[in-house]
């Protein structure tokens, strides 16, 4: 199969690992911040979260251009796409 080259950045991998741990669940921005930026405490901005989600989506699109692999759930957070 195809491979990502370069592979995912650590925080992108952390995001996917979190979302895949409970595929039906919507994870909050705070949960995503804690997984992707474990050393940042409470100081992770919405822009940082949106950035890691966007970059991860972009990388995954190289493998599956037609799939929405990370779905935004308005007012709640993000989940693994269908």
C-alpha atoms as a PDB file:
ATOM      1  CA  UNK A   1       0.000   0.000   0.000  1.00  0.00           C
ATOM      2  CA  UNK A   2       0.913   3.649  -0.030  1.00  0.00           C
ATOM      3  CA  UNK A   3       3.101   5.085   2.679  1.00  0.00           C
ATOM      4  CA  UNK A   4       3.317   8.582   4.023  1.00  0.00           C
ATOM      5  CA  UNK A   5       6.737  10.043   3.457  1.00  0.00           C
ATOM      6  CA  UNK A   6       7.657  11.742   5.663  1.00  0.00           C
ATOM      7  CA  UNK A   7       5.505  10.022   8.268  1.00  0.00           C
ATOM      8  CA  UNK A   8       3.126  11.919  10.524  1.00  0.00           C
ATOM      9  CA  UNK A   9       4.541  14.399  12.994  1.00  0.00           C
ATOM     10  CA  UNK A  10       4.304  13.257  16.641  1.00  0.00           C
ATOM     11  CA  UNK A  11       1.319  15.485  17.414  1.00  0.00           C
ATOM     12  CA  UNK A  12      -0.473  14.328  14.256  1.00  0.00           C
ATOM     13  CA  UNK A  13       0.085  10.710  15.266  1.00  0.00           C
ATOM     14  CA  UNK A  14      -1.135  11.547  18.792  1.00  0.00           C
ATOM     15  CA  UNK A  15      -4.317  13.067  17.334  1.00  0.00           C
ATOM     16  CA  UNK A  16      -5.051   9.986  15.235  1.00  0.00           C
ATOM     17  CA  UNK A  17      -4.252   7.627  18.110  1.00  0.00           C
ATOM     18  CA  UNK A  18      -6.667   9.526  20.361  1.00  0.00           C
ATOM     19  CA  UNK A  19      -9.497   9.614  17.807  1.00  0.00           C
ATOM     20  CA  UNK A  20      -9.009   5.937  16.930  1.00  0.00           C
ATOM     21  CA  UNK A  21      -9.060   4.883  20.597  1.00  0.00           C
ATOM     22  CA  UNK A  22     -12.846   5.396  20.662  1.00  0.00           C
ATOM     23  CA  UNK A  23     -13.971   5.759  17.038  1.00  0.00           C
ATOM     24  CA  UNK A  24     -17.581   6.719  17.806  1.00  0.00           C
ATOM     25  CA  UNK A  25     -16.696   9.319  20.404  1.00  0.00           C
ATOM     26  CA  UNK A  26     -16.399  13.070  19.895  1.00  0.00           C
ATOM     27  CA  UNK A  27     -13.271  14.372  21.611  1.00  0.00           C
ATOM     28  CA  UNK A  28     -13.206  17.905  22.988  1.00  0.00           C
ATOM     29  CA  UNK A  29     -10.549  20.452  22.105  1.00  0.00           C
ATOM     30  CA  UNK A  30      -9.200  20.134  25.658  1.00  0.00           C
ATOM     31  CA  UNK A  31      -8.786  16.372  25.251  1.00  0.00           C
ATOM     32  CA  UNK A  32      -7.085  16.854  21.898  1.00  0.00           C
ATOM     33  CA  UNK A  33      -4.812  19.548  23.357  1.00  0.00           C
ATOM     34  CA  UNK A  34      -3.770  17.239  26.202  1.00  0.00           C
ATOM     35  CA  UNK A  35      -2.963  14.410  23.771  1.00  0.00           C
ATOM     36  CA  UNK A  36      -1.200  16.480  21.110  1.00  0.00           C
ATOM     37  CA  UNK A  37       0.610  18.968  23.353  1.00  0.00           C
ATOM     38  CA  UNK A  38       1.164  17.105  26.652  1.00  0.00           C
ATOM     39  CA  UNK A  39       3.726  19.608  27.937  1.00  0.00           C
ATOM     40  CA  UNK A  40       1.721  22.761  27.212  1.00  0.00           C
ATOM     41  CA  UNK A  41      -0.672  22.610  30.160  1.00  0.00           C
ATOM     42  CA  UNK A  42      -3.716  24.797  29.583  1.00  0.00           C
ATOM     43  CA  UNK A  43      -1.964  27.075  27.106  1.00  0.00           C
ATOM     44  CA  UNK A  44      -3.025  25.473  23.815  1.00  0.00           C
ATOM     45  CA  UNK A  45      -4.961  27.814  21.527  1.00  0.00           C
ATOM     46  CA  UNK A  46      -7.882  26.878  19.312  1.00  0.00           C
ATOM     47  CA  UNK A  47      -5.646  27.894  16.403  1.00  0.00           C
ATOM     48  CA  UNK A  48      -3.056  25.283  17.443  1.00  0.00           C
ATOM     49  CA  UNK A  49      -5.732  22.570  17.629  1.00  0.00           C
ATOM     50  CA  UNK A  50      -7.203  23.587  14.272  1.00  0.00           C
ATOM     51  CA  UNK A  51      -3.699  23.595  12.819  1.00  0.00           C
ATOM     52  CA  UNK A  52      -2.824  20.060  13.886  1.00  0.00           C
ATOM     53  CA  UNK A  53      -6.220  18.811  12.670  1.00  0.00           C
ATOM     54  CA  UNK A  54      -5.769  20.582   9.324  1.00  0.00           C
ATOM     55  CA  UNK A  55      -2.218  19.308   8.836  1.00  0.00           C
ATOM     56  CA  UNK A  56      -3.248  15.768   9.764  1.00  0.00           C
ATOM     57  CA  UNK A  57      -6.181  15.895   7.323  1.00  0.00           C
ATOM     58  CA  UNK A  58      -3.829  17.125   4.594  1.00  0.00           C
ATOM     59  CA  UNK A  59      -1.383  14.275   5.200  1.00  0.00           C
ATOM     60  CA  UNK A  60      -4.160  11.661   5.267  1.00  0.00           C
ATOM     61  CA  UNK A  61      -5.597  13.030   2.028  1.00  0.00           C
ATOM     62  CA  UNK A  62      -2.401  11.861   0.341  1.00  0.00           C
ATOM     63  CA  UNK A  63      -3.453   8.289   1.188  1.00  0.00           C
ATOM     64  CA  UNK A  64      -7.232   8.579   0.852  1.00  0.00           C
ATOM     65  CA  UNK A  65      -8.159  11.720  -1.105  1.00  0.00           C
ATOM     66  CA  UNK A  66     -11.902  11.043  -1.063  1.00  0.00           C
ATOM     67  CA  UNK A  67     -12.294  10.133   2.604  1.00  0.00           C
ATOM     68  CA  UNK A  68     -13.155  12.522   5.393  1.00  0.00           C
ATOM     69  CA  UNK A  69     -11.062  10.831   8.036  1.00  0.00           C
ATOM     70  CA  UNK A  70     -11.396  13.493  10.722  1.00  0.00           C
ATOM     71  CA  UNK A  71     -14.863  14.975  11.166  1.00  0.00           C
ATOM     72  CA  UNK A  72     -15.592  18.222  12.975  1.00  0.00           C
ATOM     73  CA  UNK A  73     -18.632  18.176  15.251  1.00  0.00           C
ATOM     74  CA  UNK A  74     -19.752  21.770  15.647  1.00  0.00           C
ATOM     75  CA  UNK A  75     -19.699  22.961  19.236  1.00  0.00           C
ATOM     76  CA  UNK A  76     -18.188  19.712  20.520  1.00  0.00           C
ATOM     77  CA  UNK A  77     -14.857  18.832  18.920  1.00  0.00           C
ATOM     78  CA  UNK A  78     -13.636  16.205  16.500  1.00  0.00           C
ATOM     79  CA  UNK A  79     -14.115  12.513  15.819  1.00  0.00           C
ATOM     80  CA  UNK A  80     -12.909   9.892  13.426  1.00  0.00           C
ATOM     81  CA  UNK A  81     -14.756  10.317  10.119  1.00  0.00           C
ATOM     82  CA  UNK A  82     -16.977   7.664   8.583  1.00  0.00           C
END
